[in-house]
Amino acid sequence: MFDLIDAVRRRDPAARSALEIVLTYPGVHAVALHRLSHALWTRLRLRTVARLVSHFGRFVTGIEIHPAARLGRRVFIDHGMGTVIGETAIVGDDCLLYHGVTLGGTGKEKGKRHPTLEEGVVVGAGAAVLGNITLGRNAKVGAGSVVIQDVPPDCTAVGVPARVVCRDVRVHADLLDHAELIDPIWEKLSALQDELHLAEREIRERTKPKEQG
């Protein structure tokens, strides 16, 4: 838990002290309660008790994490209200989830049906990552996006449904700066607009009356 507190202090400029984090951060409380419910679920096989602990955690934090979900070290759920992490979800070390994030399934299939987030993934506020897909190491998901396909390492997924971009150096930032997030749809529209302007210029040049000699 001490390493999580250190991670929160590094990533949240509003965090002023370790005591404040321990007492007032629901994301920290949710992860701590999940550690307990997960142990009850996997080690002691006390499934009903584990679900009760999880339900209590949801009641006091607004964050719902199934006891069977696997969370790595230093997972930080910032604000957290409305965040849902499904039963077979796997969240790797040093991942950052903002409020309203859903790591959910896409149907009633059995087995692995929730996402896997590898180390260092950042998921923006209100985003939904759905199905048995993998977000590679240091991948980023923009706020409000809906991701239904794999995202390679060091890439960014934006939009509904999300489109993946892997060529911009901004995706390597430690935190998700929404103001700097690239929009692949807008970039394609801008490229088409540039091509249209170039074509108009060429047409004007070709149809311009020749100068009289």
N, C-alpha and C. Protein backbone atom coordinates (compact mmCIF):
# COMPACT_ATOMS: atom_id res chain seq x y z
N MET A 1 0.82 -1.21 0.00
CA MET A 1 0.00 0.00 0.00
C MET A 1 0.86 1.27 0.00
N PHE A 2 2.05 1.19 0.59
CA PHE A 2 2.93 2.36 0.62
C PHE A 2 3.37 2.75 -0.79
N ASP A 3 3.60 1.74 -1.65
CA ASP A 3 4.00 2.07 -3.01
C ASP A 3 2.86 2.73 -3.78
N LEU A 4 1.60 2.37 -3.47
CA LEU A 4 0.46 3.02 -4.10
C LEU A 4 0.37 4.48 -3.66
N ILE A 5 0.60 4.73 -2.38
CA ILE A 5 0.58 6.11 -1.89
C ILE A 5 1.64 6.95 -2.59
N ASP A 6 2.82 6.39 -2.76
CA ASP A 6 3.87 7.11 -3.49
C ASP A 6 3.46 7.38 -4.93
N ALA A 7 2.80 6.39 -5.56
CA ALA A 7 2.34 6.57 -6.94
C ALA A 7 1.30 7.68 -7.04
N VAL A 8 0.39 7.74 -6.06
CA VAL A 8 -0.62 8.80 -6.06
C VAL A 8 0.04 10.16 -5.91
N ARG A 9 1.01 10.28 -5.04
CA ARG A 9 1.68 11.56 -4.84
C ARG A 9 2.42 12.01 -6.09
N ARG A 10 2.94 11.06 -6.86
CA ARG A 10 3.64 11.42 -8.10
C ARG A 10 2.66 11.84 -9.18
N ARG A 11 1.49 11.24 -9.20
CA ARG A 11 0.58 11.43 -10.33
C ARG A 11 -0.52 12.44 -10.09
N ASP A 12 -0.80 12.76 -8.86
CA ASP A 12 -1.89 13.69 -8.57
C ASP A 12 -1.34 14.95 -7.91
N PRO A 13 -1.34 16.08 -8.61
CA PRO A 13 -0.81 17.32 -8.03
C PRO A 13 -1.62 17.83 -6.86
N ALA A 14 -2.86 17.32 -6.68
CA ALA A 14 -3.69 17.76 -5.57
C ALA A 14 -3.34 17.05 -4.27
N ALA A 15 -2.57 15.97 -4.35
CA ALA A 15 -2.22 15.20 -3.14
C ALA A 15 -1.14 15.94 -2.37
N ARG A 16 -1.46 16.30 -1.12
CA ARG A 16 -0.52 17.09 -0.32
C ARG A 16 0.25 16.27 0.71
N SER A 17 -0.30 15.14 1.12
CA SER A 17 0.39 14.35 2.13
C SER A 17 -0.09 12.90 2.08
N ALA A 18 0.70 12.01 2.62
CA ALA A 18 0.32 10.60 2.68
C ALA A 18 -0.94 10.41 3.53
N LEU A 19 -1.05 11.17 4.62
CA LEU A 19 -2.23 11.05 5.49
C LEU A 19 -3.49 11.44 4.74
N GLU A 20 -3.42 12.50 3.97
CA GLU A 20 -4.58 12.93 3.19
C GLU A 20 -4.99 11.85 2.20
N ILE A 21 -4.02 11.23 1.55
CA ILE A 21 -4.31 10.17 0.59
C ILE A 21 -5.00 8.99 1.26
N VAL A 22 -4.47 8.57 2.41
CA VAL A 22 -5.02 7.42 3.12
C VAL A 22 -6.45 7.69 3.59
N LEU A 23 -6.71 8.90 4.02
CA LEU A 23 -8.01 9.21 4.62
C LEU A 23 -9.07 9.61 3.62
N THR A 24 -8.68 10.21 2.48
CA THR A 24 -9.68 10.86 1.64
C THR A 24 -9.71 10.40 0.19
N TYR A 25 -8.89 9.45 -0.21
CA TYR A 25 -8.87 9.04 -1.61
C TYR A 25 -9.66 7.74 -1.81
N PRO A 26 -10.85 7.82 -2.41
CA PRO A 26 -11.67 6.61 -2.59
C PRO A 26 -11.00 5.55 -3.46
N GLY A 27 -10.18 5.98 -4.41
CA GLY A 27 -9.49 5.01 -5.25
C GLY A 27 -8.55 4.14 -4.45
N VAL A 28 -7.89 4.73 -3.46
CA VAL A 28 -7.00 3.97 -2.58
C VAL A 28 -7.82 3.03 -1.71
N HIS A 29 -8.93 3.52 -1.18
CA HIS A 29 -9.81 2.68 -0.35
C HIS A 29 -10.34 1.50 -1.16
N ALA A 30 -10.73 1.76 -2.41
CA ALA A 30 -11.29 0.70 -3.24
C ALA A 30 -10.26 -0.39 -3.52
N VAL A 31 -9.04 0.01 -3.80
CA VAL A 31 -7.99 -0.97 -4.07
C VAL A 31 -7.68 -1.78 -2.81
N ALA A 32 -7.62 -1.11 -1.66
CA ALA A 32 -7.34 -1.81 -0.40
C ALA A 32 -8.42 -2.84 -0.09
N LEU A 33 -9.68 -2.45 -0.27
CA LEU A 33 -10.78 -3.39 -0.02
C LEU A 33 -10.77 -4.52 -1.05
N HIS A 34 -10.36 -4.19 -2.26
CA HIS A 34 -10.29 -5.25 -3.28
C HIS A 34 -9.21 -6.27 -2.92
N ARG A 35 -8.09 -5.83 -2.37
CA ARG A 35 -7.06 -6.78 -1.96
C ARG A 35 -7.65 -7.81 -0.98
N LEU A 36 -8.48 -7.31 -0.07
CA LEU A 36 -9.12 -8.20 0.89
C LEU A 36 -10.12 -9.13 0.22
N SER A 37 -10.99 -8.58 -0.59
CA SER A 37 -12.02 -9.40 -1.24
C SER A 37 -11.38 -10.41 -2.20
N HIS A 38 -10.31 -10.00 -2.86
CA HIS A 38 -9.64 -10.91 -3.79
C HIS A 38 -9.01 -12.10 -3.06
N ALA A 39 -8.42 -11.81 -1.89
CA ALA A 39 -7.85 -12.89 -1.08
C ALA A 39 -8.95 -13.85 -0.61
N LEU A 40 -10.07 -13.31 -0.18
CA LEU A 40 -11.19 -14.14 0.24
C LEU A 40 -11.70 -15.00 -0.91
N TRP A 41 -11.71 -14.43 -2.11
CA TRP A 41 -12.23 -15.13 -3.28
C TRP A 41 -11.28 -16.23 -3.75
N THR A 42 -9.99 -15.91 -3.85
CA THR A 42 -9.05 -16.83 -4.48
C THR A 42 -8.37 -17.79 -3.50
N ARG A 43 -8.07 -17.33 -2.30
CA ARG A 43 -7.32 -18.17 -1.35
C ARG A 43 -8.22 -18.95 -0.42
N LEU A 44 -9.22 -18.28 0.13
CA LEU A 44 -10.08 -18.93 1.11
C LEU A 44 -11.37 -19.49 0.50
N ARG A 45 -11.64 -19.13 -0.75
CA ARG A 45 -12.84 -19.60 -1.44
C ARG A 45 -14.13 -19.20 -0.73
N LEU A 46 -14.08 -18.09 -0.01
CA LEU A 46 -15.28 -17.58 0.66
C LEU A 46 -15.94 -16.58 -0.29
N ARG A 47 -16.60 -17.11 -1.30
CA ARG A 47 -17.09 -16.28 -2.40
C ARG A 47 -18.16 -15.27 -1.96
N THR A 48 -19.09 -15.73 -1.13
CA THR A 48 -20.15 -14.81 -0.69
C THR A 48 -19.59 -13.70 0.18
N VAL A 49 -18.68 -14.05 1.08
CA VAL A 49 -18.05 -13.03 1.92
C VAL A 49 -17.26 -12.05 1.07
N ALA A 50 -16.56 -12.59 0.07
CA ALA A 50 -15.80 -11.73 -0.83
C ALA A 50 -16.71 -10.75 -1.56
N ARG A 51 -17.86 -11.23 -2.01
CA ARG A 51 -18.80 -10.34 -2.70
C ARG A 51 -19.36 -9.29 -1.74
N LEU A 52 -19.57 -9.67 -0.49
CA LEU A 52 -20.05 -8.69 0.50
C LEU A 52 -19.01 -7.59 0.73
N VAL A 53 -17.75 -7.97 0.82
CA VAL A 53 -16.68 -6.97 0.99
C VAL A 53 -16.63 -6.06 -0.24
N SER A 54 -16.74 -6.66 -1.42
CA SER A 54 -16.75 -5.88 -2.66
C SER A 54 -17.95 -4.93 -2.70
N HIS A 55 -19.09 -5.41 -2.27
CA HIS A 55 -20.30 -4.59 -2.26
C HIS A 55 -20.14 -3.42 -1.28
N PHE A 56 -19.55 -3.69 -0.14
CA PHE A 56 -19.29 -2.62 0.82
C PHE A 56 -18.35 -1.58 0.22
N GLY A 57 -17.32 -2.06 -0.48
CA GLY A 57 -16.40 -1.14 -1.13
C GLY A 57 -17.10 -0.27 -2.16
N ARG A 58 -18.01 -0.86 -2.90
CA ARG A 58 -18.78 -0.09 -3.87
C ARG A 58 -19.65 0.96 -3.18
N PHE A 59 -20.23 0.59 -2.05
CA PHE A 59 -21.11 1.50 -1.31
C PHE A 59 -20.34 2.73 -0.80
N VAL A 60 -19.13 2.52 -0.27
CA VAL A 60 -18.41 3.63 0.35
C VAL A 60 -17.54 4.41 -0.62
N THR A 61 -17.23 3.83 -1.80
CA THR A 61 -16.32 4.52 -2.72
C THR A 61 -16.95 4.87 -4.06
N GLY A 62 -18.05 4.20 -4.43
CA GLY A 62 -18.61 4.41 -5.75
C GLY A 62 -17.86 3.67 -6.84
N ILE A 63 -16.94 2.79 -6.44
CA ILE A 63 -16.12 2.03 -7.38
C ILE A 63 -16.45 0.56 -7.23
N GLU A 64 -16.78 -0.10 -8.33
CA GLU A 64 -17.17 -1.51 -8.28
C GLU A 64 -16.06 -2.37 -8.90
N ILE A 65 -15.46 -3.23 -8.10
CA ILE A 65 -14.42 -4.14 -8.58
C ILE A 65 -14.81 -5.55 -8.18
N HIS A 66 -14.98 -6.41 -9.15
CA HIS A 66 -15.32 -7.80 -8.83
C HIS A 66 -14.17 -8.45 -8.07
N PRO A 67 -14.46 -9.25 -7.05
CA PRO A 67 -13.39 -9.86 -6.25
C PRO A 67 -12.41 -10.71 -7.05
N ALA A 68 -12.87 -11.27 -8.18
CA ALA A 68 -11.99 -12.12 -8.98
C ALA A 68 -11.06 -11.34 -9.91
N ALA A 69 -11.33 -10.06 -10.10
CA ALA A 69 -10.47 -9.25 -10.97
C ALA A 69 -9.06 -9.18 -10.38
N ARG A 70 -8.08 -9.08 -11.27
CA ARG A 70 -6.69 -9.06 -10.83
C ARG A 70 -6.09 -7.68 -11.05
N LEU A 71 -5.66 -7.06 -9.95
CA LEU A 71 -5.04 -5.74 -10.01
C LEU A 71 -3.57 -5.86 -9.66
N GLY A 72 -2.73 -5.22 -10.46
CA GLY A 72 -1.30 -5.22 -10.20
C GLY A 72 -0.92 -4.20 -9.13
N ARG A 73 0.35 -3.96 -8.99
CA ARG A 73 0.85 -3.03 -7.99
C ARG A 73 0.70 -1.59 -8.49
N ARG A 74 0.46 -0.70 -7.54
CA ARG A 74 0.40 0.75 -7.79
C ARG A 74 -0.69 1.13 -8.81
N VAL A 75 -1.78 0.37 -8.84
CA VAL A 75 -2.92 0.75 -9.68
C VAL A 75 -3.64 1.90 -9.01
N PHE A 76 -3.78 3.01 -9.70
CA PHE A 76 -4.38 4.22 -9.15
C PHE A 76 -5.69 4.51 -9.87
N ILE A 77 -6.79 4.55 -9.12
CA ILE A 77 -8.09 4.92 -9.66
C ILE A 77 -8.37 6.34 -9.20
N ASP A 78 -8.18 7.31 -10.08
CA ASP A 78 -8.27 8.72 -9.71
C ASP A 78 -9.73 9.16 -9.65
N HIS A 79 -10.14 9.74 -8.54
CA HIS A 79 -11.54 10.08 -8.26
C HIS A 79 -12.36 8.78 -8.17
N GLY A 80 -12.56 8.13 -9.31
CA GLY A 80 -13.07 6.77 -9.28
C GLY A 80 -14.56 6.59 -9.37
N MET A 81 -15.36 7.58 -9.03
CA MET A 81 -16.81 7.40 -9.00
C MET A 81 -17.32 6.82 -10.32
N GLY A 82 -18.08 5.73 -10.22
CA GLY A 82 -18.66 5.13 -11.40
C GLY A 82 -17.77 4.14 -12.12
N THR A 83 -16.57 3.92 -11.62
CA THR A 83 -15.66 2.96 -12.26
C THR A 83 -16.12 1.53 -11.99
N VAL A 84 -16.08 0.69 -13.03
CA VAL A 84 -16.50 -0.70 -12.92
C VAL A 84 -15.41 -1.59 -13.54
N ILE A 85 -14.97 -2.59 -12.78
CA ILE A 85 -13.95 -3.53 -13.26
C ILE A 85 -14.54 -4.93 -13.14
N GLY A 86 -14.66 -5.61 -14.27
CA GLY A 86 -15.34 -6.89 -14.33
C GLY A 86 -14.54 -8.06 -13.80
N GLU A 87 -15.21 -9.20 -13.73
CA GLU A 87 -14.69 -10.40 -13.06
C GLU A 87 -13.37 -10.90 -13.62
N THR A 88 -13.23 -10.96 -14.93
CA THR A 88 -12.02 -11.54 -15.52
C THR A 88 -11.05 -10.48 -16.01
N ALA A 89 -11.25 -9.24 -15.59
CA ALA A 89 -10.33 -8.17 -15.98
C ALA A 89 -8.98 -8.35 -15.29
N ILE A 90 -7.93 -7.97 -16.01
CA ILE A 90 -6.58 -7.98 -15.47
C ILE A 90 -5.99 -6.59 -15.68
N VAL A 91 -5.56 -5.96 -14.60
CA VAL A 91 -4.99 -4.62 -14.66
C VAL A 91 -3.56 -4.71 -14.18
N GLY A 92 -2.62 -4.35 -15.04
CA GLY A 92 -1.21 -4.50 -14.73
C GLY A 92 -0.68 -3.42 -13.80
N ASP A 93 0.59 -3.53 -13.49
CA ASP A 93 1.25 -2.58 -12.59
C ASP A 93 1.22 -1.17 -13.18
N ASP A 94 1.09 -0.18 -12.28
CA ASP A 94 1.23 1.25 -12.62
C ASP A 94 0.19 1.75 -13.61
N CYS A 95 -0.96 1.09 -13.67
CA CYS A 95 -2.04 1.59 -14.52
C CYS A 95 -2.79 2.72 -13.82
N LEU A 96 -3.35 3.61 -14.61
CA LEU A 96 -4.10 4.75 -14.10
C LEU A 96 -5.47 4.77 -14.75
N LEU A 97 -6.52 4.72 -13.93
CA LEU A 97 -7.90 4.78 -14.41
C LEU A 97 -8.56 6.01 -13.83
N TYR A 98 -9.20 6.79 -14.69
CA TYR A 98 -9.96 7.95 -14.21
C TYR A 98 -11.40 7.53 -13.91
N HIS A 99 -12.21 8.49 -13.43
CA HIS A 99 -13.56 8.17 -13.00
C HIS A 99 -14.43 7.76 -14.19
N GLY A 100 -15.41 6.91 -13.89
CA GLY A 100 -16.37 6.50 -14.91
C GLY A 100 -15.84 5.48 -15.91
N VAL A 101 -14.69 4.90 -15.66
CA VAL A 101 -14.13 3.91 -16.58
C VAL A 101 -14.84 2.57 -16.40
N THR A 102 -15.10 1.89 -17.51
CA THR A 102 -15.68 0.55 -17.48
C THR A 102 -14.73 -0.42 -18.15
N LEU A 103 -14.33 -1.44 -17.41
CA LEU A 103 -13.60 -2.57 -17.99
C LEU A 103 -14.59 -3.73 -17.99
N GLY A 104 -15.35 -3.84 -19.07
CA GLY A 104 -16.50 -4.74 -19.08
C GLY A 104 -16.46 -5.78 -20.16
N GLY A 105 -17.50 -6.60 -20.18
CA GLY A 105 -17.66 -7.63 -21.20
C GLY A 105 -18.59 -7.15 -22.30
N THR A 106 -18.77 -7.99 -23.31
CA THR A 106 -19.62 -7.64 -24.43
C THR A 106 -20.80 -8.60 -24.59
N GLY A 107 -20.94 -9.55 -23.71
CA GLY A 107 -22.03 -10.50 -23.81
C GLY A 107 -22.08 -11.40 -22.60
N LYS A 108 -22.70 -12.55 -22.76
CA LYS A 108 -22.86 -13.48 -21.65
C LYS A 108 -21.97 -14.71 -21.81
N GLU A 109 -20.89 -14.56 -22.61
CA GLU A 109 -19.99 -15.68 -22.80
C GLU A 109 -19.27 -16.02 -21.50
N LYS A 110 -18.81 -17.26 -21.39
CA LYS A 110 -18.07 -17.70 -20.22
C LYS A 110 -16.57 -17.51 -20.45
N GLY A 111 -15.81 -17.76 -19.40
CA GLY A 111 -14.36 -17.66 -19.52
C GLY A 111 -13.87 -16.22 -19.51
N LYS A 112 -12.72 -15.99 -20.11
CA LYS A 112 -12.12 -14.65 -20.14
C LYS A 112 -12.94 -13.75 -21.05
N ARG A 113 -13.60 -12.78 -20.47
CA ARG A 113 -14.50 -11.93 -21.25
C ARG A 113 -14.31 -10.45 -20.95
N HIS A 114 -13.31 -10.13 -20.16
CA HIS A 114 -13.02 -8.74 -19.83
C HIS A 114 -11.60 -8.37 -20.27
N PRO A 115 -11.29 -7.09 -20.32
CA PRO A 115 -10.01 -6.67 -20.89
C PRO A 115 -8.80 -7.01 -20.01
N THR A 116 -7.65 -7.02 -20.67
CA THR A 116 -6.35 -7.10 -20.00
C THR A 116 -5.59 -5.81 -20.27
N LEU A 117 -5.20 -5.13 -19.21
CA LEU A 117 -4.40 -3.91 -19.33
C LEU A 117 -2.99 -4.23 -18.88
N GLU A 118 -2.05 -4.06 -19.79
CA GLU A 118 -0.67 -4.32 -19.42
C GLU A 118 -0.08 -3.12 -18.66
N GLU A 119 1.14 -3.22 -18.30
CA GLU A 119 1.79 -2.24 -17.42
C GLU A 119 1.72 -0.82 -17.98
N GLY A 120 1.37 0.13 -17.11
CA GLY A 120 1.43 1.55 -17.46
C GLY A 120 0.31 2.07 -18.32
N VAL A 121 -0.77 1.34 -18.48
CA VAL A 121 -1.89 1.80 -19.31
C VAL A 121 -2.64 2.93 -18.59
N VAL A 122 -3.09 3.91 -19.36
CA VAL A 122 -3.89 5.02 -18.83
C VAL A 122 -5.22 5.05 -19.57
N VAL A 123 -6.33 5.06 -18.81
CA VAL A 123 -7.67 5.09 -19.41
C VAL A 123 -8.39 6.35 -18.93
N GLY A 124 -8.78 7.20 -19.87
CA GLY A 124 -9.39 8.48 -19.55
C GLY A 124 -10.81 8.37 -19.02
N ALA A 125 -11.29 9.48 -18.47
CA ALA A 125 -12.59 9.52 -17.81
C ALA A 125 -13.72 9.11 -18.75
N GLY A 126 -14.61 8.25 -18.24
CA GLY A 126 -15.79 7.86 -18.99
C GLY A 126 -15.55 6.88 -20.12
N ALA A 127 -14.34 6.39 -20.27
CA ALA A 127 -14.04 5.46 -21.35
C ALA A 127 -14.54 4.05 -21.01
N ALA A 128 -14.87 3.30 -22.04
CA ALA A 128 -15.29 1.91 -21.88
C ALA A 128 -14.35 1.02 -22.68
N VAL A 129 -13.77 0.04 -22.01
CA VAL A 129 -12.91 -0.94 -22.67
C VAL A 129 -13.63 -2.28 -22.54
N LEU A 130 -14.06 -2.85 -23.66
CA LEU A 130 -15.02 -3.94 -23.61
C LEU A 130 -14.51 -5.20 -24.30
N GLY A 131 -14.73 -6.33 -23.65
CA GLY A 131 -14.42 -7.61 -24.24
C GLY A 131 -13.05 -8.13 -23.87
N ASN A 132 -12.75 -9.32 -24.36
CA ASN A 132 -11.47 -9.97 -24.09
C ASN A 132 -10.42 -9.43 -25.04
N ILE A 133 -10.00 -8.19 -24.78
CA ILE A 133 -8.99 -7.53 -25.60
C ILE A 133 -7.81 -7.14 -24.71
N THR A 134 -6.73 -6.76 -25.35
CA THR A 134 -5.52 -6.39 -24.61
C THR A 134 -5.09 -4.98 -24.98
N LEU A 135 -4.83 -4.17 -23.95
CA LEU A 135 -4.22 -2.87 -24.14
C LEU A 135 -2.75 -3.01 -23.77
N GLY A 136 -1.89 -2.82 -24.75
CA GLY A 136 -0.47 -3.06 -24.56
C GLY A 136 0.18 -2.07 -23.60
N ARG A 137 1.40 -2.37 -23.27
CA ARG A 137 2.14 -1.57 -22.30
C ARG A 137 2.18 -0.10 -22.70
N ASN A 138 1.84 0.77 -21.74
CA ASN A 138 1.85 2.23 -21.90
C ASN A 138 0.84 2.73 -22.93
N ALA A 139 -0.16 1.93 -23.26
CA ALA A 139 -1.22 2.40 -24.15
C ALA A 139 -2.06 3.46 -23.44
N LYS A 140 -2.71 4.32 -24.23
CA LYS A 140 -3.56 5.37 -23.69
C LYS A 140 -4.94 5.29 -24.34
N VAL A 141 -5.98 5.58 -23.56
CA VAL A 141 -7.34 5.62 -24.06
C VAL A 141 -7.92 6.99 -23.72
N GLY A 142 -8.40 7.71 -24.71
CA GLY A 142 -8.94 9.04 -24.50
C GLY A 142 -10.27 9.01 -23.77
N ALA A 143 -10.60 10.13 -23.13
CA ALA A 143 -11.84 10.24 -22.37
C ALA A 143 -13.04 10.00 -23.28
N GLY A 144 -14.00 9.21 -22.77
CA GLY A 144 -15.23 8.96 -23.50
C GLY A 144 -15.12 7.98 -24.65
N SER A 145 -13.97 7.39 -24.84
CA SER A 145 -13.78 6.46 -25.95
C SER A 145 -14.40 5.09 -25.63
N VAL A 146 -14.70 4.35 -26.69
CA VAL A 146 -15.19 2.98 -26.54
C VAL A 146 -14.24 2.07 -27.31
N VAL A 147 -13.49 1.26 -26.57
CA VAL A 147 -12.45 0.42 -27.17
C VAL A 147 -12.95 -1.01 -27.24
N ILE A 148 -12.96 -1.58 -28.45
CA ILE A 148 -13.45 -2.95 -28.64
C ILE A 148 -12.45 -3.80 -29.41
N GLN A 149 -11.23 -3.27 -29.59
CA GLN A 149 -10.18 -4.03 -30.24
C GLN A 149 -8.86 -3.80 -29.52
N ASP A 150 -7.91 -4.68 -29.74
CA ASP A 150 -6.61 -4.56 -29.09
C ASP A 150 -5.96 -3.22 -29.41
N VAL A 151 -5.22 -2.70 -28.44
CA VAL A 151 -4.41 -1.50 -28.64
C VAL A 151 -2.95 -1.88 -28.44
N PRO A 152 -2.11 -1.72 -29.45
CA PRO A 152 -0.70 -2.11 -29.30
C PRO A 152 0.01 -1.26 -28.25
N PRO A 153 1.16 -1.72 -27.78
CA PRO A 153 1.94 -0.94 -26.81
C PRO A 153 2.28 0.45 -27.35
N ASP A 154 2.30 1.43 -26.44
CA ASP A 154 2.70 2.81 -26.75
C ASP A 154 1.80 3.48 -27.79
N CYS A 155 0.56 3.02 -27.92
CA CYS A 155 -0.37 3.61 -28.86
C CYS A 155 -1.52 4.29 -28.12
N THR A 156 -2.27 5.10 -28.86
CA THR A 156 -3.40 5.83 -28.30
C THR A 156 -4.69 5.42 -29.01
N ALA A 157 -5.76 5.20 -28.25
CA ALA A 157 -7.07 4.89 -28.82
C ALA A 157 -8.03 6.01 -28.48
N VAL A 158 -8.69 6.56 -29.51
CA VAL A 158 -9.59 7.71 -29.32
C VAL A 158 -10.83 7.52 -30.16
N GLY A 159 -12.00 7.85 -29.61
CA GLY A 159 -13.22 7.90 -30.39
C GLY A 159 -14.21 6.80 -30.07
N VAL A 160 -15.35 6.82 -30.79
CA VAL A 160 -16.42 5.84 -30.62
C VAL A 160 -16.84 5.34 -32.00
N PRO A 161 -16.53 4.09 -32.36
CA PRO A 161 -15.58 3.22 -31.64
C PRO A 161 -14.17 3.78 -31.77
N ALA A 162 -13.30 3.37 -30.87
CA ALA A 162 -11.97 3.96 -30.81
C ALA A 162 -11.13 3.59 -32.02
N ARG A 163 -10.39 4.56 -32.51
CA ARG A 163 -9.40 4.35 -33.55
C ARG A 163 -8.02 4.42 -32.92
N VAL A 164 -7.11 3.61 -33.42
CA VAL A 164 -5.80 3.48 -32.80
C VAL A 164 -4.76 4.24 -33.62
N VAL A 165 -3.95 5.03 -32.93
CA VAL A 165 -2.85 5.77 -33.55
C VAL A 165 -1.57 5.43 -32.80
N CYS A 166 -0.51 5.15 -33.56
CA CYS A 166 0.74 4.72 -32.92
C CYS A 166 1.94 5.57 -33.32
N ARG A 167 1.73 6.66 -34.03
CA ARG A 167 2.88 7.34 -34.60
C ARG A 167 3.25 8.65 -33.92
N ASP A 168 2.52 9.06 -32.90
CA ASP A 168 2.78 10.37 -32.30
C ASP A 168 3.57 10.21 -31.00
N VAL A 169 4.61 11.01 -30.84
CA VAL A 169 5.45 10.89 -29.65
C VAL A 169 4.71 11.27 -28.38
N ARG A 170 3.59 11.98 -28.49
CA ARG A 170 2.87 12.40 -27.30
C ARG A 170 2.29 11.23 -26.53
N VAL A 171 2.11 10.09 -27.20
CA VAL A 171 1.53 8.95 -26.50
C VAL A 171 2.49 8.37 -25.48
N HIS A 172 3.75 8.79 -25.49
CA HIS A 172 4.72 8.24 -24.56
C HIS A 172 4.74 9.00 -23.23
N ALA A 173 3.90 10.03 -23.10
CA ALA A 173 3.87 10.79 -21.85
C ALA A 173 3.43 9.90 -20.70
N ASP A 174 3.91 10.21 -19.50
CA ASP A 174 3.59 9.38 -18.34
C ASP A 174 2.11 9.45 -18.00
N LEU A 175 1.52 10.64 -18.13
CA LEU A 175 0.11 10.82 -17.81
C LEU A 175 -0.65 11.19 -19.08
N LEU A 176 -1.94 11.00 -19.03
CA LEU A 176 -2.78 11.29 -20.18
C LEU A 176 -3.19 12.76 -20.15
N ASP A 177 -2.58 13.56 -21.02
CA ASP A 177 -2.91 14.97 -21.12
C ASP A 177 -3.98 15.11 -22.19
N HIS A 178 -5.22 15.26 -21.77
CA HIS A 178 -6.33 15.27 -22.73
C HIS A 178 -6.23 16.44 -23.70
N ALA A 179 -5.63 17.55 -23.27
CA ALA A 179 -5.49 18.70 -24.15
C ALA A 179 -4.54 18.40 -25.31
N GLU A 180 -3.62 17.48 -25.11
CA GLU A 180 -2.64 17.15 -26.13
C GLU A 180 -2.97 15.87 -26.89
N LEU A 181 -4.09 15.26 -26.58
CA LEU A 181 -4.41 13.97 -27.17
C LEU A 181 -4.74 14.14 -28.65
N ILE A 182 -4.20 13.26 -29.46
CA ILE A 182 -4.44 13.33 -30.88
C ILE A 182 -5.80 12.76 -31.23
N ASP A 183 -6.40 13.30 -32.30
CA ASP A 183 -7.70 12.83 -32.78
C ASP A 183 -7.50 12.30 -34.20
N PRO A 184 -7.48 11.00 -34.40
CA PRO A 184 -7.20 10.46 -35.74
C PRO A 184 -8.23 10.86 -36.78
N ILE A 185 -9.50 11.02 -36.39
CA ILE A 185 -10.52 11.41 -37.36
C ILE A 185 -10.28 12.83 -37.84
N TRP A 186 -9.99 13.73 -36.90
CA TRP A 186 -9.72 15.13 -37.27
C TRP A 186 -8.47 15.23 -38.13
N GLU A 187 -7.46 14.42 -37.81
CA GLU A 187 -6.23 14.47 -38.61
C GLU A 187 -6.50 14.03 -40.05
N LYS A 188 -7.34 13.01 -40.24
CA LYS A 188 -7.66 12.56 -41.59
C LYS A 188 -8.47 13.63 -42.34
N LEU A 189 -9.42 14.27 -41.64
CA LEU A 189 -10.19 15.34 -42.27
C LEU A 189 -9.28 16.50 -42.66
N SER A 190 -8.33 16.82 -41.81
CA SER A 190 -7.39 17.91 -42.12
C SER A 190 -6.55 17.56 -43.33
N ALA A 191 -6.12 16.29 -43.41
CA ALA A 191 -5.33 15.86 -44.57
C ALA A 191 -6.15 15.94 -45.85
N LEU A 192 -7.43 15.54 -45.80
CA LEU A 192 -8.30 15.64 -46.97
C LEU A 192 -8.51 17.10 -47.37
N GLN A 193 -8.65 17.97 -46.38
CA GLN A 193 -8.83 19.39 -46.67
C GLN A 193 -7.60 19.96 -47.35
N ASP A 194 -6.42 19.57 -46.87
CA ASP A 194 -5.18 20.04 -47.50
C ASP A 194 -5.09 19.56 -48.96
N GLU A 195 -5.48 18.30 -49.20
CA GLU A 195 -5.45 17.77 -50.57
C GLU A 195 -6.45 18.51 -51.46
N LEU A 196 -7.61 18.87 -50.90
CA LEU A 196 -8.62 19.61 -51.66
C LEU A 196 -8.10 20.98 -52.05
N HIS A 197 -7.46 21.67 -51.11
CA HIS A 197 -6.90 22.99 -51.41
C HIS A 197 -5.83 22.90 -52.48
N LEU A 198 -5.00 21.84 -52.42
CA LEU A 198 -3.96 21.66 -53.42
C LEU A 198 -4.57 21.41 -54.79
N ALA A 199 -5.63 20.58 -54.84
CA ALA A 199 -6.29 20.30 -56.12
C ALA A 199 -6.92 21.56 -56.69
N GLU A 200 -7.54 22.39 -55.84
CA GLU A 200 -8.14 23.64 -56.32
C GLU A 200 -7.08 24.57 -56.89
N ARG A 201 -5.91 24.62 -56.26
CA ARG A 201 -4.84 25.46 -56.73
C ARG A 201 -4.34 25.01 -58.10
N GLU A 202 -4.22 23.70 -58.28
CA GLU A 202 -3.77 23.16 -59.56
C GLU A 202 -4.78 23.44 -60.66
N ILE A 203 -6.08 23.31 -60.32
CA ILE A 203 -7.11 23.59 -61.32
C ILE A 203 -7.08 25.05 -61.74
N ARG A 204 -6.90 25.94 -60.78
CA ARG A 204 -6.84 27.37 -61.12
C ARG A 204 -5.65 27.68 -62.00
N GLU A 205 -4.52 27.02 -61.70
CA GLU A 205 -3.31 27.25 -62.50
C GLU A 205 -3.52 26.77 -63.93
N ARG A 206 -4.17 25.63 -64.10
CA ARG A 206 -4.34 25.06 -65.43
C ARG A 206 -5.39 25.79 -66.26
N THR A 207 -6.37 26.39 -65.58
CA THR A 207 -7.45 27.07 -66.32
C THR A 207 -7.22 28.57 -66.43
N LYS A 208 -6.14 29.07 -65.87
CA LYS A 208 -5.86 30.50 -65.92
C LYS A 208 -5.53 30.89 -67.36
N PRO A 209 -6.16 31.97 -67.88
CA PRO A 209 -5.87 32.39 -69.27
C PRO A 209 -4.39 32.66 -69.47
N LYS A 210 -3.88 32.22 -70.60
CA LYS A 210 -2.46 32.47 -70.90
C LYS A 210 -2.25 33.95 -71.18
N GLU A 211 -1.14 34.46 -70.75
CA GLU A 211 -0.82 35.88 -70.97
C GLU A 211 -0.57 36.12 -72.48
N GLN A 212 -1.13 37.23 -72.96
CA GLN A 212 -0.95 37.58 -74.38
C GLN A 212 0.48 38.07 -74.61
N GLY A 213 1.14 37.50 -75.63
CA GLY A 213 2.52 37.89 -75.93
C GLY A 213 2.57 39.12 -76.79
